[in-house]
Structure formats: structure tokens, C-alpha cells
Amino acid sequence: MIEVENPAEFNALSVVTATYASYFRYLDTINSWLKKNGVEEGKGRDYIASLFKALGSAPDMSPDADFMHLAQDYATRGGINEQVLRELTARNVFEALTESLDGVHRRIVGDTP
């Protein structure tokens, strides 16, 4: 359980709940790619769910590692994870996510024009 210290912290933590739909869209994009490349729908869905369930336990397995450290650990130098991370970073995907979170934060705290 996470204890909230103050209203500002509660608001900031509430913002991240706005990422649920995007997370599933991310998984759907991967699943659609698998289908396009000959993997049956159910098999792809089960595979993706299994992979991301295992990834969800990575922070517990390395409690002293922050998320950036985990990203670096999983991005083997010259490997396929590094490639996708580099390409998404070059396309400013993570900056766009930050901007979206900022917008949701403004909405939650009532700071929208």
C-alpha cells in the first residue's frame, strides 16, 4: 500500500492512472504486429500477457534499481531492445508522454485555460 503524504502528492499519483488505456493500446499494437506476421490472435495475446506480467515483477526483483536503470539493463548494447528504445526516443515518444501527463496534471489541479 502507498500512503499519500499530501494533496499535491495525491494529485501527482492520480495522474499516472491516465496511462492505463495507453498501456493496453501499446500491447494491442504489439499484438496487431504479431497477427500481421502470422501469429494467431490468442497465442500472441497470451505470449504478450506472459511477457509483460514477468516484466512487471522486475522492479521487485531489483528493488534498488530505478526504472531508467532497468531500461538500461534490458537494452543490451547493440541488441533489439536497445534498437526499439533508441527509435522511440528519437521519435520523442517519451517526451510526448511527459507532455500528456503534464496536461492531465493541469486538468486535475484545475489549472487549465
PDB file of N, CA and C in Angstrom:
ATOM      1  N   MET A   1       0.838  -1.173   0.000  1.00  0.00           N
ATOM      2  CA  MET A   1       0.000   0.000   0.000  1.00  0.00           C
ATOM      3  C   MET A   1       0.889   1.245   0.000  1.00  0.00           C
ATOM      4  N   ILE A   2       0.479   2.239  -0.719  1.00  0.00           N
ATOM      5  CA  ILE A   2       1.181   3.513  -0.800  1.00  0.00           C
ATOM      6  C   ILE A   2       0.410   4.533   0.031  1.00  0.00           C
ATOM      7  N   GLU A   3       1.093   5.149   0.977  1.00  0.00           N
ATOM      8  CA  GLU A   3       0.470   6.200   1.774  1.00  0.00           C
ATOM      9  C   GLU A   3       0.766   7.544   1.130  1.00  0.00           C
ATOM     10  N   VAL A   4      -0.266   8.343   1.018  1.00  0.00           N
ATOM     11  CA  VAL A   4      -0.146   9.657   0.409  1.00  0.00           C
ATOM     12  C   VAL A   4       0.110  10.683   1.507  1.00  0.00           C
ATOM     13  N   GLU A   5       1.116  11.532   1.278  1.00  0.00           N
ATOM     14  CA  GLU A   5       1.541  12.499   2.291  1.00  0.00           C
ATOM     15  C   GLU A   5       0.745  13.797   2.270  1.00  0.00           C
ATOM     16  N   ASN A   6       0.286  14.206   1.064  1.00  0.00           N
ATOM     17  CA  ASN A   6      -0.407  15.494   0.963  1.00  0.00           C
ATOM     18  C   ASN A   6      -1.220  15.528  -0.328  1.00  0.00           C
ATOM     19  N   PRO A   7      -2.086  16.536  -0.477  1.00  0.00           N
ATOM     20  CA  PRO A   7      -2.921  16.619  -1.688  1.00  0.00           C
ATOM     21  C   PRO A   7      -2.122  16.719  -2.986  1.00  0.00           C
ATOM     22  N   ALA A   8      -0.998  17.413  -2.974  1.00  0.00           N
ATOM     23  CA  ALA A   8      -0.191  17.535  -4.196  1.00  0.00           C
ATOM     24  C   ALA A   8       0.348  16.170  -4.627  1.00  0.00           C
ATOM     25  N   GLU A   9       0.782  15.377  -3.659  1.00  0.00           N
ATOM     26  CA  GLU A   9       1.269  14.036  -3.969  1.00  0.00           C
ATOM     27  C   GLU A   9       0.135  13.158  -4.481  1.00  0.00           C
ATOM     28  N   PHE A  10      -1.032  13.274  -3.858  1.00  0.00           N
ATOM     29  CA  PHE A  10      -2.202  12.522  -4.311  1.00  0.00           C
ATOM     30  C   PHE A  10      -2.524  12.876  -5.759  1.00  0.00           C
ATOM     31  N   ASN A  11      -2.516  14.175  -6.082  1.00  0.00           N
ATOM     32  CA  ASN A  11      -2.804  14.596  -7.454  1.00  0.00           C
ATOM     33  C   ASN A  11      -1.791  14.030  -8.437  1.00  0.00           C
ATOM     34  N   ALA A  12      -0.513  14.098  -8.080  1.00  0.00           N
ATOM     35  CA  ALA A  12       0.526  13.577  -8.973  1.00  0.00           C
ATOM     36  C   ALA A  12       0.370  12.074  -9.170  1.00  0.00           C
ATOM     37  N   LEU A  13       0.112  11.346  -8.091  1.00  0.00           N
ATOM     38  CA  LEU A  13      -0.086   9.902  -8.215  1.00  0.00           C
ATOM     39  C   LEU A  13      -1.336   9.584  -9.025  1.00  0.00           C
ATOM     40  N   SER A  14      -2.353  10.405  -8.896  1.00  0.00           N
ATOM     41  CA  SER A  14      -3.592  10.193  -9.660  1.00  0.00           C
ATOM     42  C   SER A  14      -3.365  10.332 -11.158  1.00  0.00           C
ATOM     43  N   VAL A  15      -2.438  11.188 -11.537  1.00  0.00           N
ATOM     44  CA  VAL A  15      -2.159  11.412 -12.959  1.00  0.00           C
ATOM     45  C   VAL A  15      -1.762  10.114 -13.650  1.00  0.00           C
ATOM     46  N   VAL A  16      -0.962   9.286 -12.987  1.00  0.00           N
ATOM     47  CA  VAL A  16      -0.466   8.088 -13.664  1.00  0.00           C
ATOM     48  C   VAL A  16      -1.573   7.092 -13.989  1.00  0.00           C
ATOM     49  N   THR A  17      -2.725   7.217 -13.342  1.00  0.00           N
ATOM     50  CA  THR A  17      -3.833   6.329 -13.703  1.00  0.00           C
ATOM     51  C   THR A  17      -4.360   6.622 -15.100  1.00  0.00           C
ATOM     52  N   ALA A  18      -3.974   7.774 -15.646  1.00  0.00           N
ATOM     53  CA  ALA A  18      -4.374   8.136 -17.004  1.00  0.00           C
ATOM     54  C   ALA A  18      -3.600   7.360 -18.063  1.00  0.00           C
ATOM     55  N   THR A  19      -2.667   6.503 -17.636  1.00  0.00           N
ATOM     56  CA  THR A  19      -1.853   5.754 -18.602  1.00  0.00           C
ATOM     57  C   THR A  19      -2.395   4.354 -18.892  1.00  0.00           C
ATOM     58  N   TYR A  20      -3.445   3.931 -18.213  1.00  0.00           N
ATOM     59  CA  TYR A  20      -3.957   2.568 -18.391  1.00  0.00           C
ATOM     60  C   TYR A  20      -4.327   2.271 -19.839  1.00  0.00           C
ATOM     61  N   ALA A  21      -5.138   3.126 -20.434  1.00  0.00           N
ATOM     62  CA  ALA A  21      -5.602   2.874 -21.803  1.00  0.00           C
ATOM     63  C   ALA A  21      -4.433   2.852 -22.779  1.00  0.00           C
ATOM     64  N   SER A  22      -3.461   3.751 -22.571  1.00  0.00           N
ATOM     65  CA  SER A  22      -2.294   3.789 -23.456  1.00  0.00           C
ATOM     66  C   SER A  22      -1.462   2.518 -23.332  1.00  0.00           C
ATOM     67  N   TYR A  23      -1.364   1.998 -22.118  1.00  0.00           N
ATOM     68  CA  TYR A  23      -0.646   0.739 -21.894  1.00  0.00           C
ATOM     69  C   TYR A  23      -1.277  -0.379 -22.722  1.00  0.00           C
ATOM     70  N   PHE A  24      -2.598  -0.481 -22.658  1.00  0.00           N
ATOM     71  CA  PHE A  24      -3.261  -1.546 -23.417  1.00  0.00           C
ATOM     72  C   PHE A  24      -3.198  -1.291 -24.913  1.00  0.00           C
ATOM     73  N   ARG A  25      -3.185  -0.041 -25.322  1.00  0.00           N
ATOM     74  CA  ARG A  25      -3.011   0.266 -26.745  1.00  0.00           C
ATOM     75  C   ARG A  25      -1.616  -0.153 -27.200  1.00  0.00           C
ATOM     76  N   TYR A  26      -0.619   0.055 -26.355  1.00  0.00           N
ATOM     77  CA  TYR A  26       0.750  -0.380 -26.635  1.00  0.00           C
ATOM     78  C   TYR A  26       0.776  -1.894 -26.857  1.00  0.00           C
ATOM     79  N   LEU A  27       0.137  -2.625 -25.941  1.00  0.00           N
ATOM     80  CA  LEU A  27       0.086  -4.084 -26.078  1.00  0.00           C
ATOM     81  C   LEU A  27      -0.693  -4.492 -27.322  1.00  0.00           C
ATOM     82  N   ASP A  28      -1.764  -3.774 -27.628  1.00  0.00           N
ATOM     83  CA  ASP A  28      -2.547  -4.077 -28.828  1.00  0.00           C
ATOM     84  C   ASP A  28      -1.723  -3.844 -30.091  1.00  0.00           C
ATOM     85  N   THR A  29      -0.896  -2.815 -30.086  1.00  0.00           N
ATOM     86  CA  THR A  29      -0.025  -2.546 -31.235  1.00  0.00           C
ATOM     87  C   THR A  29       0.929  -3.718 -31.450  1.00  0.00           C
ATOM     88  N   ILE A  30       1.482  -4.221 -30.373  1.00  0.00           N
ATOM     89  CA  ILE A  30       2.377  -5.376 -30.459  1.00  0.00           C
ATOM     90  C   ILE A  30       1.607  -6.596 -30.958  1.00  0.00           C
ATOM     91  N   ASN A  31       0.413  -6.818 -30.409  1.00  0.00           N
ATOM     92  CA  ASN A  31      -0.396  -7.964 -30.816  1.00  0.00           C
ATOM     93  C   ASN A  31      -0.809  -7.868 -32.286  1.00  0.00           C
ATOM     94  N   SER A  32      -1.172  -6.672 -32.732  1.00  0.00           N
ATOM     95  CA  SER A  32      -1.539  -6.484 -34.143  1.00  0.00           C
ATOM     96  C   SER A  32      -0.351  -6.784 -35.047  1.00  0.00           C
ATOM     97  N   TRP A  33       0.844  -6.370 -34.616  1.00  0.00           N
ATOM     98  CA  TRP A  33       2.039  -6.664 -35.396  1.00  0.00           C
ATOM     99  C   TRP A  33       2.255  -8.171 -35.485  1.00  0.00           C
ATOM    100  N   LEU A  34       2.073  -8.865 -34.362  1.00  0.00           N
ATOM    101  CA  LEU A  34       2.219 -10.330 -34.381  1.00  0.00           C
ATOM    102  C   LEU A  34       1.226 -10.969 -35.341  1.00  0.00           C
ATOM    103  N   LYS A  35      -0.040 -10.536 -35.286  1.00  0.00           N
ATOM    104  CA  LYS A  35      -1.065 -11.092 -36.194  1.00  0.00           C
ATOM    105  C   LYS A  35      -0.678 -10.856 -37.647  1.00  0.00           C
ATOM    106  N   LYS A  36      -0.204  -9.653 -37.930  1.00  0.00           N
ATOM    107  CA  LYS A  36       0.207  -9.317 -39.299  1.00  0.00           C
ATOM    108  C   LYS A  36       1.367 -10.198 -39.756  1.00  0.00           C
ATOM    109  N   ASN A  37       2.119 -10.723 -38.796  1.00  0.00           N
ATOM    110  CA  ASN A  37       3.271 -11.551 -39.114  1.00  0.00           C
ATOM    111  C   ASN A  37       3.029 -13.032 -38.830  1.00  0.00           C
ATOM    112  N   GLY A  38       1.749 -13.431 -38.873  1.00  0.00           N
ATOM    113  CA  GLY A  38       1.396 -14.843 -38.880  1.00  0.00           C
ATOM    114  C   GLY A  38       1.165 -15.520 -37.542  1.00  0.00           C
ATOM    115  N   VAL A  39       1.129 -14.761 -36.442  1.00  0.00           N
ATOM    116  CA  VAL A  39       0.879 -15.374 -35.137  1.00  0.00           C
ATOM    117  C   VAL A  39      -0.605 -15.264 -34.830  1.00  0.00           C
ATOM    118  N   GLU A  40      -1.201 -16.385 -34.490  1.00  0.00           N
ATOM    119  CA  GLU A  40      -2.642 -16.441 -34.187  1.00  0.00           C
ATOM    120  C   GLU A  40      -2.972 -15.548 -32.998  1.00  0.00           C
ATOM    121  N   GLU A  41      -4.129 -14.885 -33.075  1.00  0.00           N
ATOM    122  CA  GLU A  41      -4.577 -13.897 -32.083  1.00  0.00           C
ATOM    123  C   GLU A  41      -4.397 -14.353 -30.640  1.00  0.00           C
ATOM    124  N   GLY A  42      -4.969 -15.473 -30.276  1.00  0.00           N
ATOM    125  CA  GLY A  42      -4.905 -15.949 -28.895  1.00  0.00           C
ATOM    126  C   GLY A  42      -3.491 -16.257 -28.444  1.00  0.00           C
ATOM    127  N   LYS A  43      -2.717 -16.836 -29.319  1.00  0.00           N
ATOM    128  CA  LYS A  43      -1.332 -17.166 -28.981  1.00  0.00           C
ATOM    129  C   LYS A  43      -0.532 -15.898 -28.736  1.00  0.00           C
ATOM    130  N   GLY A  44      -0.698 -14.913 -29.596  1.00  0.00           N
ATOM    131  CA  GLY A  44       0.005 -13.651 -29.429  1.00  0.00           C
ATOM    132  C   GLY A  44      -0.399 -12.936 -28.153  1.00  0.00           C
ATOM    133  N   ARG A  45      -1.707 -12.899 -27.899  1.00  0.00           N
ATOM    134  CA  ARG A  45      -2.207 -12.243 -26.686  1.00  0.00           C
ATOM    135  C   ARG A  45      -1.644 -12.914 -25.438  1.00  0.00           C
ATOM    136  N   ASP A  46      -1.673 -14.230 -25.410  1.00  0.00           N
ATOM    137  CA  ASP A  46      -1.160 -14.962 -24.250  1.00  0.00           C
ATOM    138  C   ASP A  46       0.342 -14.733 -24.069  1.00  0.00           C
ATOM    139  N   TYR A  47       1.069 -14.707 -25.175  1.00  0.00           N
ATOM    140  CA  TYR A  47       2.515 -14.501 -25.117  1.00  0.00           C
ATOM    141  C   TYR A  47       2.832 -13.108 -24.568  1.00  0.00           C
ATOM    142  N   ILE A  48       2.155 -12.111 -25.113  1.00  0.00           N
ATOM    143  CA  ILE A  48       2.373 -10.735 -24.670  1.00  0.00           C
ATOM    144  C   ILE A  48       2.009 -10.586 -23.198  1.00  0.00           C
ATOM    145  N   ALA A  49       0.875 -11.117 -22.798  1.00  0.00           N
ATOM    146  CA  ALA A  49       0.454 -11.025 -21.394  1.00  0.00           C
ATOM    147  C   ALA A  49       1.477 -11.673 -20.480  1.00  0.00           C
ATOM    148  N   SER A  50       1.999 -12.809 -20.884  1.00  0.00           N
ATOM    149  CA  SER A  50       3.001 -13.509 -20.085  1.00  0.00           C
ATOM    150  C   SER A  50       4.289 -12.696 -19.972  1.00  0.00           C
ATOM    151  N   LEU A  51       4.742 -12.138 -21.090  1.00  0.00           N
ATOM    152  CA  LEU A  51       5.967 -11.333 -21.083  1.00  0.00           C
ATOM    153  C   LEU A  51       5.836 -10.116 -20.173  1.00  0.00           C
ATOM    154  N   PHE A  52       4.737  -9.391 -20.322  1.00  0.00           N
ATOM    155  CA  PHE A  52       4.589  -8.163 -19.559  1.00  0.00           C
ATOM    156  C   PHE A  52       4.255  -8.425 -18.093  1.00  0.00           C
ATOM    157  N   LYS A  53       3.665  -9.555 -17.810  1.00  0.00           N
ATOM    158  CA  LYS A  53       3.464  -9.946 -16.413  1.00  0.00           C
ATOM    159  C   LYS A  53       4.830 -10.181 -15.754  1.00  0.00           C
ATOM    160  N   ALA A  54       5.709 -10.866 -16.457  1.00  0.00           N
ATOM    161  CA  ALA A  54       7.058 -11.106 -15.933  1.00  0.00           C
ATOM    162  C   ALA A  54       7.821  -9.795 -15.786  1.00  0.00           C
ATOM    163  N   LEU A  55       7.707  -8.899 -16.756  1.00  0.00           N
ATOM    164  CA  LEU A  55       8.379  -7.609 -16.660  1.00  0.00           C
ATOM    165  C   LEU A  55       7.869  -6.802 -15.474  1.00  0.00           C
ATOM    166  N   GLY A  56       6.597  -6.978 -15.143  1.00  0.00           N
ATOM    167  CA  GLY A  56       6.019  -6.266 -14.012  1.00  0.00           C
ATOM    168  C   GLY A  56       6.670  -6.606 -12.693  1.00  0.00           C
ATOM    169  N   SER A  57       7.312  -7.759 -12.604  1.00  0.00           N
ATOM    170  CA  SER A  57       7.985  -8.144 -11.363  1.00  0.00           C
ATOM    171  C   SER A  57       9.449  -7.708 -11.322  1.00  0.00           C
ATOM    172  N   ALA A  58       9.960  -7.157 -12.409  1.00  0.00           N
ATOM    173  CA  ALA A  58      11.368  -6.734 -12.450  1.00  0.00           C
ATOM    174  C   ALA A  58      11.717  -5.721 -11.359  1.00  0.00           C
ATOM    175  N   PRO A  59      10.876  -4.715 -11.092  1.00  0.00           N
ATOM    176  CA  PRO A  59      11.224  -3.782 -10.008  1.00  0.00           C
ATOM    177  C   PRO A  59      11.311  -4.463  -8.639  1.00  0.00           C
ATOM    178  N   ASP A  60      10.490  -5.471  -8.405  1.00  0.00           N
ATOM    179  CA  ASP A  60      10.559  -6.202  -7.140  1.00  0.00           C
ATOM    180  C   ASP A  60      11.831  -7.038  -7.052  1.00  0.00           C
ATOM    181  N   MET A  61      12.290  -7.530  -8.192  1.00  0.00           N
ATOM    182  CA  MET A  61      13.489  -8.360  -8.217  1.00  0.00           C
ATOM    183  C   MET A  61      14.763  -7.522  -8.062  1.00  0.00           C
ATOM    184  N   SER A  62      14.667  -6.242  -8.409  1.00  0.00           N
ATOM    185  CA  SER A  62      15.809  -5.316  -8.279  1.00  0.00           C
ATOM    186  C   SER A  62      15.332  -4.062  -7.553  1.00  0.00           C
ATOM    187  N   PRO A  63      15.042  -4.176  -6.265  1.00  0.00           N
ATOM    188  CA  PRO A  63      14.415  -3.060  -5.547  1.00  0.00           C
ATOM    189  C   PRO A  63      15.255  -1.795  -5.459  1.00  0.00           C
ATOM    190  N   ASP A  64      16.554  -1.885  -5.663  1.00  0.00           N
ATOM    191  CA  ASP A  64      17.399  -0.694  -5.597  1.00  0.00           C
ATOM    192  C   ASP A  64      17.575  -0.013  -6.953  1.00  0.00           C
ATOM    193  N   ALA A  65      17.052  -0.631  -8.000  1.00  0.00           N
ATOM    194  CA  ALA A  65      17.198  -0.077  -9.343  1.00  0.00           C
ATOM    195  C   ALA A  65      16.007   0.813  -9.688  1.00  0.00           C
ATOM    196  N   ASP A  66      16.293   2.019 -10.198  1.00  0.00           N
ATOM    197  CA  ASP A  66      15.192   2.843 -10.673  1.00  0.00           C
ATOM    198  C   ASP A  66      14.796   2.365 -12.073  1.00  0.00           C
ATOM    199  N   PHE A  67      13.735   2.933 -12.602  1.00  0.00           N
ATOM    200  CA  PHE A  67      13.228   2.458 -13.887  1.00  0.00           C
ATOM    201  C   PHE A  67      14.206   2.709 -15.034  1.00  0.00           C
ATOM    202  N   MET A  68      14.941   3.809 -14.984  1.00  0.00           N
ATOM    203  CA  MET A  68      15.914   4.063 -16.042  1.00  0.00           C
ATOM    204  C   MET A  68      17.021   3.018 -16.012  1.00  0.00           C
ATOM    205  N   HIS A  69      17.432   2.630 -14.822  1.00  0.00           N
ATOM    206  CA  HIS A  69      18.449   1.584 -14.694  1.00  0.00           C
ATOM    207  C   HIS A  69      17.921   0.266 -15.274  1.00  0.00           C
ATOM    208  N   LEU A  70      16.672  -0.050 -14.983  1.00  0.00           N
ATOM    209  CA  LEU A  70      16.076  -1.269 -15.546  1.00  0.00           C
ATOM    210  C   LEU A  70      16.024  -1.183 -17.071  1.00  0.00           C
ATOM    211  N   ALA A  71      15.665  -0.014 -17.593  1.00  0.00           N
ATOM    212  CA  ALA A  71      15.639   0.162 -19.052  1.00  0.00           C
ATOM    213  C   ALA A  71      17.023  -0.095 -19.639  1.00  0.00           C
ATOM    214  N   GLN A  72      18.047   0.432 -18.986  1.00  0.00           N
ATOM    215  CA  GLN A  72      19.416   0.218 -19.467  1.00  0.00           C
ATOM    216  C   GLN A  72      19.813  -1.247 -19.365  1.00  0.00           C
ATOM    217  N   ASP A  73      19.398  -1.915 -18.287  1.00  0.00           N
ATOM    218  CA  ASP A  73      19.705  -3.339 -18.134  1.00  0.00           C
ATOM    219  C   ASP A  73      19.059  -4.178 -19.235  1.00  0.00           C
ATOM    220  N   TYR A  74      17.851  -3.822 -19.608  1.00  0.00           N
ATOM    221  CA  TYR A  74      17.139  -4.593 -20.626  1.00  0.00           C
ATOM    222  C   TYR A  74      17.533  -4.198 -22.046  1.00  0.00           C
ATOM    223  N   ALA A  75      18.186  -3.069 -22.204  1.00  0.00           N
ATOM    224  CA  ALA A  75      18.620  -2.597 -23.521  1.00  0.00           C
ATOM    225  C   ALA A  75      20.054  -3.053 -23.769  1.00  0.00           C
ATOM    226  N   THR A  76      20.208  -4.319 -24.041  1.00  0.00           N
ATOM    227  CA  THR A  76      21.539  -4.875 -24.312  1.00  0.00           C
ATOM    228  C   THR A  76      22.210  -4.083 -25.422  1.00  0.00           C
ATOM    229  N   ARG A  77      23.449  -3.698 -25.182  1.00  0.00           N
ATOM    230  CA  ARG A  77      24.201  -2.895 -26.157  1.00  0.00           C
ATOM    231  C   ARG A  77      24.207  -3.603 -27.516  1.00  0.00           C
ATOM    232  N   GLY A  78      23.707  -2.889 -28.523  1.00  0.00           N
ATOM    233  CA  GLY A  78      23.658  -3.436 -29.868  1.00  0.00           C
ATOM    234  C   GLY A  78      22.503  -4.397 -30.087  1.00  0.00           C
ATOM    235  N   GLY A  79      21.649  -4.567 -29.080  1.00  0.00           N
ATOM    236  CA  GLY A  79      20.563  -5.535 -29.166  1.00  0.00           C
ATOM    237  C   GLY A  79      19.247  -4.943 -29.650  1.00  0.00           C
ATOM    238  N   ILE A  80      18.266  -5.798 -29.716  1.00  0.00           N
ATOM    239  CA  ILE A  80      16.965  -5.396 -30.255  1.00  0.00           C
ATOM    240  C   ILE A  80      16.194  -4.481 -29.299  1.00  0.00           C
ATOM    241  N   ASN A  81      16.339  -4.672 -27.983  1.00  0.00           N
ATOM    242  CA  ASN A  81      15.693  -3.762 -27.039  1.00  0.00           C
ATOM    243  C   ASN A  81      16.303  -2.372 -27.135  1.00  0.00           C
ATOM    244  N   GLU A  82      17.619  -2.304 -27.279  1.00  0.00           N
ATOM    245  CA  GLU A  82      18.273  -1.011 -27.441  1.00  0.00           C
ATOM    246  C   GLU A  82      17.776  -0.327 -28.716  1.00  0.00           C
ATOM    247  N   GLN A  83      17.588  -1.097 -29.767  1.00  0.00           N
ATOM    248  CA  GLN A  83      17.131  -0.531 -31.038  1.00  0.00           C
ATOM    249  C   GLN A  83      15.762   0.114 -30.896  1.00  0.00           C
ATOM    250  N   VAL A  84      14.805  -0.602 -30.327  1.00  0.00           N
ATOM    251  CA  VAL A  84      13.455  -0.055 -30.194  1.00  0.00           C
ATOM    252  C   VAL A  84      13.461   1.155 -29.258  1.00  0.00           C
ATOM    253  N   LEU A  85      14.185   1.069 -28.146  1.00  0.00           N
ATOM    254  CA  LEU A  85      14.281   2.196 -27.223  1.00  0.00           C
ATOM    255  C   LEU A  85      14.873   3.419 -27.924  1.00  0.00           C
ATOM    256  N   ARG A  86      15.928   3.223 -28.668  1.00  0.00           N
ATOM    257  CA  ARG A  86      16.580   4.320 -29.396  1.00  0.00           C
ATOM    258  C   ARG A  86      15.619   4.937 -30.413  1.00  0.00           C
ATOM    259  N   GLU A  87      14.887   4.083 -31.151  1.00  0.00           N
ATOM    260  CA  GLU A  87      13.978   4.594 -32.178  1.00  0.00           C
ATOM    261  C   GLU A  87      12.797   5.336 -31.562  1.00  0.00           C
ATOM    262  N   LEU A  88      12.240   4.824 -30.480  1.00  0.00           N
ATOM    263  CA  LEU A  88      11.134   5.529 -29.813  1.00  0.00           C
ATOM    264  C   LEU A  88      11.620   6.844 -29.202  1.00  0.00           C
ATOM    265  N   THR A  89      12.817   6.828 -28.640  1.00  0.00           N
ATOM    266  CA  THR A  89      13.389   8.047 -28.072  1.00  0.00           C
ATOM    267  C   THR A  89      13.606   9.090 -29.174  1.00  0.00           C
ATOM    268  N   ALA A  90      14.124   8.668 -30.308  1.00  0.00           N
ATOM    269  CA  ALA A  90      14.370   9.584 -31.431  1.00  0.00           C
ATOM    270  C   ALA A  90      13.073  10.195 -31.943  1.00  0.00           C
ATOM    271  N   ARG A  91      11.981   9.467 -31.807  1.00  0.00           N
ATOM    272  CA  ARG A  91      10.673   9.969 -32.251  1.00  0.00           C
ATOM    273  C   ARG A  91       9.958  10.763 -31.153  1.00  0.00           C
ATOM    274  N   ASN A  92      10.665  11.021 -30.067  1.00  0.00           N
ATOM    275  CA  ASN A  92      10.145  11.819 -28.949  1.00  0.00           C
ATOM    276  C   ASN A  92       8.899  11.231 -28.306  1.00  0.00           C
ATOM    277  N   VAL A  93       8.773   9.909 -28.338  1.00  0.00           N
ATOM    278  CA  VAL A  93       7.615   9.254 -27.740  1.00  0.00           C
ATOM    279  C   VAL A  93       7.542   9.537 -26.239  1.00  0.00           C
ATOM    280  N   PHE A  94       8.674   9.509 -25.562  1.00  0.00           N
ATOM    281  CA  PHE A  94       8.669   9.691 -24.115  1.00  0.00           C
ATOM    282  C   PHE A  94       8.432  11.146 -23.729  1.00  0.00           C
ATOM    283  N   GLU A  95       8.909  12.069 -24.552  1.00  0.00           N
ATOM    284  CA  GLU A  95       8.612  13.480 -24.323  1.00  0.00           C
ATOM    285  C   GLU A  95       7.118  13.747 -24.519  1.00  0.00           C
ATOM    286  N   ALA A  96       6.532  13.115 -25.528  1.00  0.00           N
ATOM    287  CA  ALA A  96       5.094  13.269 -25.761  1.00  0.00           C
ATOM    288  C   ALA A  96       4.298  12.727 -24.574  1.00  0.00           C
ATOM    289  N   LEU A  97       4.753  11.625 -24.006  1.00  0.00           N
ATOM    290  CA  LEU A  97       4.086  11.069 -22.829  1.00  0.00           C
ATOM    291  C   LEU A  97       4.172  12.047 -21.663  1.00  0.00           C
ATOM    292  N   THR A  98       5.344  12.622 -21.452  1.00  0.00           N
ATOM    293  CA  THR A  98       5.510  13.602 -20.378  1.00  0.00           C
ATOM    294  C   THR A  98       4.571  14.788 -20.582  1.00  0.00           C
ATOM    295  N   GLU A  99       4.451  15.270 -21.810  1.00  0.00           N
ATOM    296  CA  GLU A  99       3.546  16.381 -22.104  1.00  0.00           C
ATOM    297  C   GLU A  99       2.098  16.001 -21.804  1.00  0.00           C
ATOM    298  N   SER A 100       1.714  14.780 -22.141  1.00  0.00           N
ATOM    299  CA  SER A 100       0.356  14.320 -21.844  1.00  0.00           C
ATOM    300  C   SER A 100       0.114  14.256 -20.343  1.00  0.00           C
ATOM    301  N   LEU A 101       1.097  13.746 -19.603  1.00  0.00           N
ATOM    302  CA  LEU A 101       0.966  13.688 -18.142  1.00  0.00           C
ATOM    303  C   LEU A 101       0.860  15.096 -17.558  1.00  0.00           C
ATOM    304  N   ASP A 102       1.647  16.023 -18.090  1.00  0.00           N
ATOM    305  CA  ASP A 102       1.549  17.413 -17.640  1.00  0.00           C
ATOM    306  C   ASP A 102       0.146  17.969 -17.881  1.00  0.00           C
ATOM    307  N   GLY A 103      -0.421  17.656 -19.037  1.00  0.00           N
ATOM    308  CA  GLY A 103      -1.768  18.122 -19.354  1.00  0.00           C
ATOM    309  C   GLY A 103      -2.815  17.543 -18.420  1.00  0.00           C
ATOM    310  N   VAL A 104      -2.698  16.265 -18.113  1.00  0.00           N
ATOM    311  CA  VAL A 104      -3.630  15.637 -17.171  1.00  0.00           C
ATOM    312  C   VAL A 104      -3.459  16.267 -15.788  1.00  0.00           C
ATOM    313  N   HIS A 105      -2.220  16.525 -15.404  1.00  0.00           N
ATOM    314  CA  HIS A 105      -1.964  17.152 -14.099  1.00  0.00           C
ATOM    315  C   HIS A 105      -2.634  18.523 -14.018  1.00  0.00           C
ATOM    316  N   ARG A 106      -2.468  19.309 -15.077  1.00  0.00           N
ATOM    317  CA  ARG A 106      -3.122  20.629 -15.101  1.00  0.00           C
ATOM    318  C   ARG A 106      -4.632  20.471 -14.965  1.00  0.00           C
ATOM    319  N   ARG A 107      -5.185  19.483 -15.625  1.00  0.00           N
ATOM    320  CA  ARG A 107      -6.630  19.240 -15.555  1.00  0.00           C
ATOM    321  C   ARG A 107      -7.056  18.860 -14.144  1.00  0.00           C
ATOM    322  N   ILE A 108      -6.305  17.975 -13.518  1.00  0.00           N
ATOM    323  CA  ILE A 108      -6.655  17.502 -12.174  1.00  0.00           C
ATOM    324  C   ILE A 108      -6.577  18.622 -11.151  1.00  0.00           C
ATOM    325  N   VAL A 109      -5.559  19.454 -11.244  1.00  0.00           N
ATOM    326  CA  VAL A 109      -5.414  20.530 -10.253  1.00  0.00           C
ATOM    327  C   VAL A 109      -6.211  21.779 -10.620  1.00  0.00           C
ATOM    328  N   GLY A 110      -6.894  21.712 -11.759  1.00  0.00           N
ATOM    329  CA  GLY A 110      -7.745  22.827 -12.152  1.00  0.00           C
ATOM    330  C   GLY A 110      -6.989  23.996 -12.744  1.00  0.00           C
ATOM    331  N   ASP A 111      -5.865  23.702 -13.391  1.00  0.00           N
ATOM    332  CA  ASP A 111      -5.028  24.729 -13.970  1.00  0.00           C
ATOM    333  C   ASP A 111      -5.084  24.661 -15.495  1.00  0.00           C
ATOM    334  N   THR A 112      -6.296  24.553 -16.045  1.00  0.00           N
ATOM    335  CA  THR A 112      -6.442  24.513 -17.496  1.00  0.00           C
ATOM    336  C   THR A 112      -7.102  25.794 -17.978  1.00  0.00           C
ATOM    337  N   PRO A 113      -6.680  26.267 -19.130  1.00  0.00           N
ATOM    338  CA  PRO A 113      -7.264  27.520 -19.652  1.00  0.00           C
ATOM    339  C   PRO A 113      -8.714  27.349 -20.048  1.00  0.00           C
TER     340      PRO A 113
END
